[in-house]
Amino acid sequence: MSPDQIIQFHYLEKAGFIWSFLEDVWMKSYEELCVYKRTHDHFMIPTGKERLSLNNWLFSRRKKFKEGKLA
């Protein structure tokens, strides 16, 4: 990388730029699921606007697991 690119790279990092967006989304969903489990003692997320993204994420994980596609 050129010196200018290195400066731009560091500027983006200091500004909070997320290089691995999908990994960050996955970790946030995983952490939200862990909090839900600790609070409610189960993984049966109710449907509705409030937990829609978590519910969709969990459904997708379960589906991939059943299909043998979960790493």
N, C-alpha and C. Protein backbone atom coordinates (compact mmCIF):
# COMPACT_ATOMS: atom_id res chain seq x y z
N MET A 1 0.85 -1.18 0.00
CA MET A 1 0.00 0.00 0.00
C MET A 1 0.89 1.24 0.00
N SER A 2 0.41 2.24 -0.66
CA SER A 2 1.14 3.50 -0.70
C SER A 2 0.96 4.24 0.63
N PRO A 3 1.83 5.19 0.94
CA PRO A 3 1.67 5.96 2.19
C PRO A 3 0.30 6.63 2.30
N ASP A 4 -0.23 7.14 1.18
CA ASP A 4 -1.56 7.76 1.20
C ASP A 4 -2.64 6.74 1.53
N GLN A 5 -2.52 5.53 0.97
CA GLN A 5 -3.51 4.49 1.24
C GLN A 5 -3.46 4.05 2.70
N ILE A 6 -2.27 3.98 3.27
CA ILE A 6 -2.12 3.62 4.68
C ILE A 6 -2.80 4.66 5.57
N ILE A 7 -2.62 5.93 5.25
CA ILE A 7 -3.26 7.01 6.01
C ILE A 7 -4.77 6.90 5.89
N GLN A 8 -5.27 6.64 4.69
CA GLN A 8 -6.71 6.49 4.48
C GLN A 8 -7.25 5.28 5.23
N PHE A 9 -6.49 4.18 5.23
CA PHE A 9 -6.86 2.97 5.94
C PHE A 9 -7.03 3.26 7.44
N HIS A 10 -6.04 3.92 8.02
CA HIS A 10 -6.10 4.25 9.45
C HIS A 10 -7.23 5.22 9.76
N TYR A 11 -7.47 6.17 8.86
CA TYR A 11 -8.57 7.12 9.06
C TYR A 11 -9.91 6.39 9.12
N LEU A 12 -10.12 5.45 8.20
CA LEU A 12 -11.36 4.68 8.17
C LEU A 12 -11.52 3.85 9.45
N GLU A 13 -10.45 3.21 9.90
CA GLU A 13 -10.53 2.42 11.12
C GLU A 13 -10.88 3.29 12.32
N LYS A 14 -10.24 4.46 12.44
CA LYS A 14 -10.53 5.36 13.56
C LYS A 14 -11.97 5.88 13.51
N ALA A 15 -12.52 5.97 12.30
CA ALA A 15 -13.89 6.45 12.13
C ALA A 15 -14.90 5.34 12.41
N GLY A 16 -14.41 4.11 12.69
CA GLY A 16 -15.31 3.01 13.02
C GLY A 16 -15.75 2.17 11.83
N PHE A 17 -15.03 2.28 10.71
CA PHE A 17 -15.38 1.50 9.53
C PHE A 17 -15.25 0.01 9.83
N ILE A 18 -16.26 -0.77 9.43
CA ILE A 18 -16.26 -2.21 9.67
C ILE A 18 -15.82 -2.91 8.39
N TRP A 19 -14.66 -3.55 8.45
CA TRP A 19 -14.12 -4.22 7.27
C TRP A 19 -14.85 -5.52 6.99
N SER A 20 -15.22 -6.24 8.02
CA SER A 20 -15.89 -7.53 7.84
C SER A 20 -17.34 -7.40 8.27
N PHE A 21 -18.14 -6.72 7.47
CA PHE A 21 -19.52 -6.39 7.81
C PHE A 21 -20.35 -7.63 8.16
N LEU A 22 -20.27 -8.67 7.33
CA LEU A 22 -21.08 -9.86 7.57
C LEU A 22 -20.69 -10.55 8.87
N GLU A 23 -19.40 -10.59 9.15
CA GLU A 23 -18.95 -11.19 10.41
C GLU A 23 -19.45 -10.38 11.59
N ASP A 24 -19.46 -9.06 11.47
CA ASP A 24 -19.95 -8.20 12.53
C ASP A 24 -21.45 -8.41 12.77
N VAL A 25 -22.21 -8.51 11.70
CA VAL A 25 -23.66 -8.76 11.82
C VAL A 25 -23.89 -10.11 12.48
N TRP A 26 -23.12 -11.13 12.10
CA TRP A 26 -23.26 -12.46 12.67
C TRP A 26 -22.99 -12.41 14.17
N MET A 27 -21.91 -11.75 14.58
CA MET A 27 -21.56 -11.69 16.01
C MET A 27 -22.61 -10.93 16.81
N LYS A 28 -23.12 -9.84 16.26
CA LYS A 28 -24.16 -9.09 16.97
C LYS A 28 -25.42 -9.93 17.16
N SER A 29 -25.79 -10.68 16.12
CA SER A 29 -26.96 -11.55 16.23
C SER A 29 -26.72 -12.66 17.24
N TYR A 30 -25.53 -13.23 17.21
CA TYR A 30 -25.18 -14.29 18.16
C TYR A 30 -25.24 -13.76 19.60
N GLU A 31 -24.68 -12.59 19.82
CA GLU A 31 -24.70 -11.99 21.16
C GLU A 31 -26.13 -11.69 21.60
N GLU A 32 -26.96 -11.20 20.68
CA GLU A 32 -28.36 -10.92 21.00
C GLU A 32 -29.09 -12.21 21.38
N LEU A 33 -28.79 -13.30 20.66
CA LEU A 33 -29.39 -14.59 20.97
C LEU A 33 -28.95 -15.08 22.36
N CYS A 34 -27.69 -14.90 22.69
CA CYS A 34 -27.19 -15.30 24.02
C CYS A 34 -27.89 -14.53 25.13
N VAL A 35 -28.09 -13.24 24.93
CA VAL A 35 -28.79 -12.42 25.92
C VAL A 35 -30.23 -12.90 26.05
N TYR A 36 -30.87 -13.18 24.92
CA TYR A 36 -32.24 -13.67 24.95
C TYR A 36 -32.33 -14.97 25.73
N LYS A 37 -31.40 -15.88 25.49
CA LYS A 37 -31.39 -17.18 26.18
C LYS A 37 -31.20 -17.00 27.69
N ARG A 38 -30.28 -16.13 28.07
CA ARG A 38 -30.06 -15.88 29.51
C ARG A 38 -31.30 -15.27 30.16
N THR A 39 -32.00 -14.43 29.44
CA THR A 39 -33.17 -13.75 29.98
C THR A 39 -34.40 -14.66 30.05
N HIS A 40 -34.62 -15.44 28.99
CA HIS A 40 -35.85 -16.23 28.87
C HIS A 40 -35.66 -17.74 29.06
N ASP A 41 -34.42 -18.18 29.10
CA ASP A 41 -34.07 -19.59 29.30
C ASP A 41 -34.58 -20.51 28.18
N HIS A 42 -34.72 -19.98 26.97
CA HIS A 42 -35.08 -20.78 25.81
C HIS A 42 -34.71 -20.02 24.54
N PHE A 43 -34.81 -20.71 23.41
CA PHE A 43 -34.48 -20.11 22.11
C PHE A 43 -35.70 -19.92 21.23
N MET A 44 -36.89 -20.02 21.77
CA MET A 44 -38.10 -19.87 20.98
C MET A 44 -38.47 -18.39 20.89
N ILE A 45 -37.88 -17.71 19.91
CA ILE A 45 -38.06 -16.27 19.75
C ILE A 45 -39.45 -16.00 19.19
N PRO A 46 -40.25 -15.18 19.87
CA PRO A 46 -41.59 -14.87 19.34
C PRO A 46 -41.49 -14.05 18.05
N THR A 47 -42.44 -14.27 17.17
CA THR A 47 -42.47 -13.49 15.94
C THR A 47 -43.01 -12.10 16.24
N GLY A 48 -42.65 -11.16 15.43
CA GLY A 48 -43.09 -9.78 15.60
C GLY A 48 -41.98 -8.82 15.23
N LYS A 49 -42.31 -7.57 15.09
CA LYS A 49 -41.36 -6.56 14.66
C LYS A 49 -40.17 -6.43 15.60
N GLU A 50 -40.42 -6.56 16.89
CA GLU A 50 -39.39 -6.32 17.89
C GLU A 50 -38.17 -7.24 17.73
N ARG A 51 -38.41 -8.48 17.37
CA ARG A 51 -37.33 -9.48 17.27
C ARG A 51 -37.22 -10.06 15.87
N LEU A 52 -37.70 -9.35 14.87
CA LEU A 52 -37.74 -9.87 13.51
C LEU A 52 -36.36 -10.25 12.99
N SER A 53 -35.38 -9.38 13.14
CA SER A 53 -34.06 -9.68 12.58
C SER A 53 -33.42 -10.87 13.30
N LEU A 54 -33.58 -10.95 14.62
CA LEU A 54 -33.04 -12.09 15.36
C LEU A 54 -33.75 -13.37 14.96
N ASN A 55 -35.05 -13.31 14.82
CA ASN A 55 -35.82 -14.48 14.41
C ASN A 55 -35.40 -14.96 13.03
N ASN A 56 -35.21 -14.04 12.10
CA ASN A 56 -34.77 -14.39 10.75
C ASN A 56 -33.37 -15.00 10.77
N TRP A 57 -32.48 -14.43 11.57
CA TRP A 57 -31.12 -14.94 11.68
C TRP A 57 -31.12 -16.36 12.23
N LEU A 58 -31.89 -16.58 13.28
CA LEU A 58 -31.95 -17.90 13.90
C LEU A 58 -32.58 -18.92 12.95
N PHE A 59 -33.64 -18.53 12.24
CA PHE A 59 -34.27 -19.41 11.25
C PHE A 59 -33.26 -19.83 10.19
N SER A 60 -32.48 -18.87 9.72
CA SER A 60 -31.47 -19.15 8.70
C SER A 60 -30.41 -20.11 9.22
N ARG A 61 -29.97 -19.94 10.46
CA ARG A 61 -28.97 -20.86 11.06
C ARG A 61 -29.55 -22.28 11.17
N ARG A 62 -30.79 -22.38 11.63
CA ARG A 62 -31.42 -23.70 11.76
C ARG A 62 -31.57 -24.38 10.40
N LYS A 63 -31.96 -23.61 9.40
CA LYS A 63 -32.14 -24.16 8.06
C LYS A 63 -30.80 -24.67 7.52
N LYS A 64 -29.75 -23.87 7.64
CA LYS A 64 -28.43 -24.29 7.17
C LYS A 64 -27.94 -25.52 7.92
N PHE A 65 -28.24 -25.61 9.20
CA PHE A 65 -27.85 -26.78 9.98
C PHE A 65 -28.54 -28.04 9.46
N LYS A 66 -29.84 -27.94 9.23
CA LYS A 66 -30.60 -29.08 8.71
C LYS A 66 -30.13 -29.51 7.33
N GLU A 67 -29.66 -28.55 6.53
CA GLU A 67 -29.18 -28.85 5.19
C GLU A 67 -27.72 -29.31 5.19
N GLY A 68 -27.09 -29.30 6.35
CA GLY A 68 -25.69 -29.68 6.45
C GLY A 68 -24.74 -28.65 5.90
N LYS A 69 -25.18 -27.39 5.85
CA LYS A 69 -24.38 -26.30 5.28
C LYS A 69 -23.82 -25.36 6.33
N LEU A 70 -24.00 -25.68 7.60
CA LEU A 70 -23.51 -24.81 8.65
C LEU A 70 -22.08 -25.21 8.99
N ALA A 71 -21.17 -24.26 8.82
CA ALA A 71 -19.75 -24.56 9.09
C ALA A 71 -19.51 -24.74 10.57
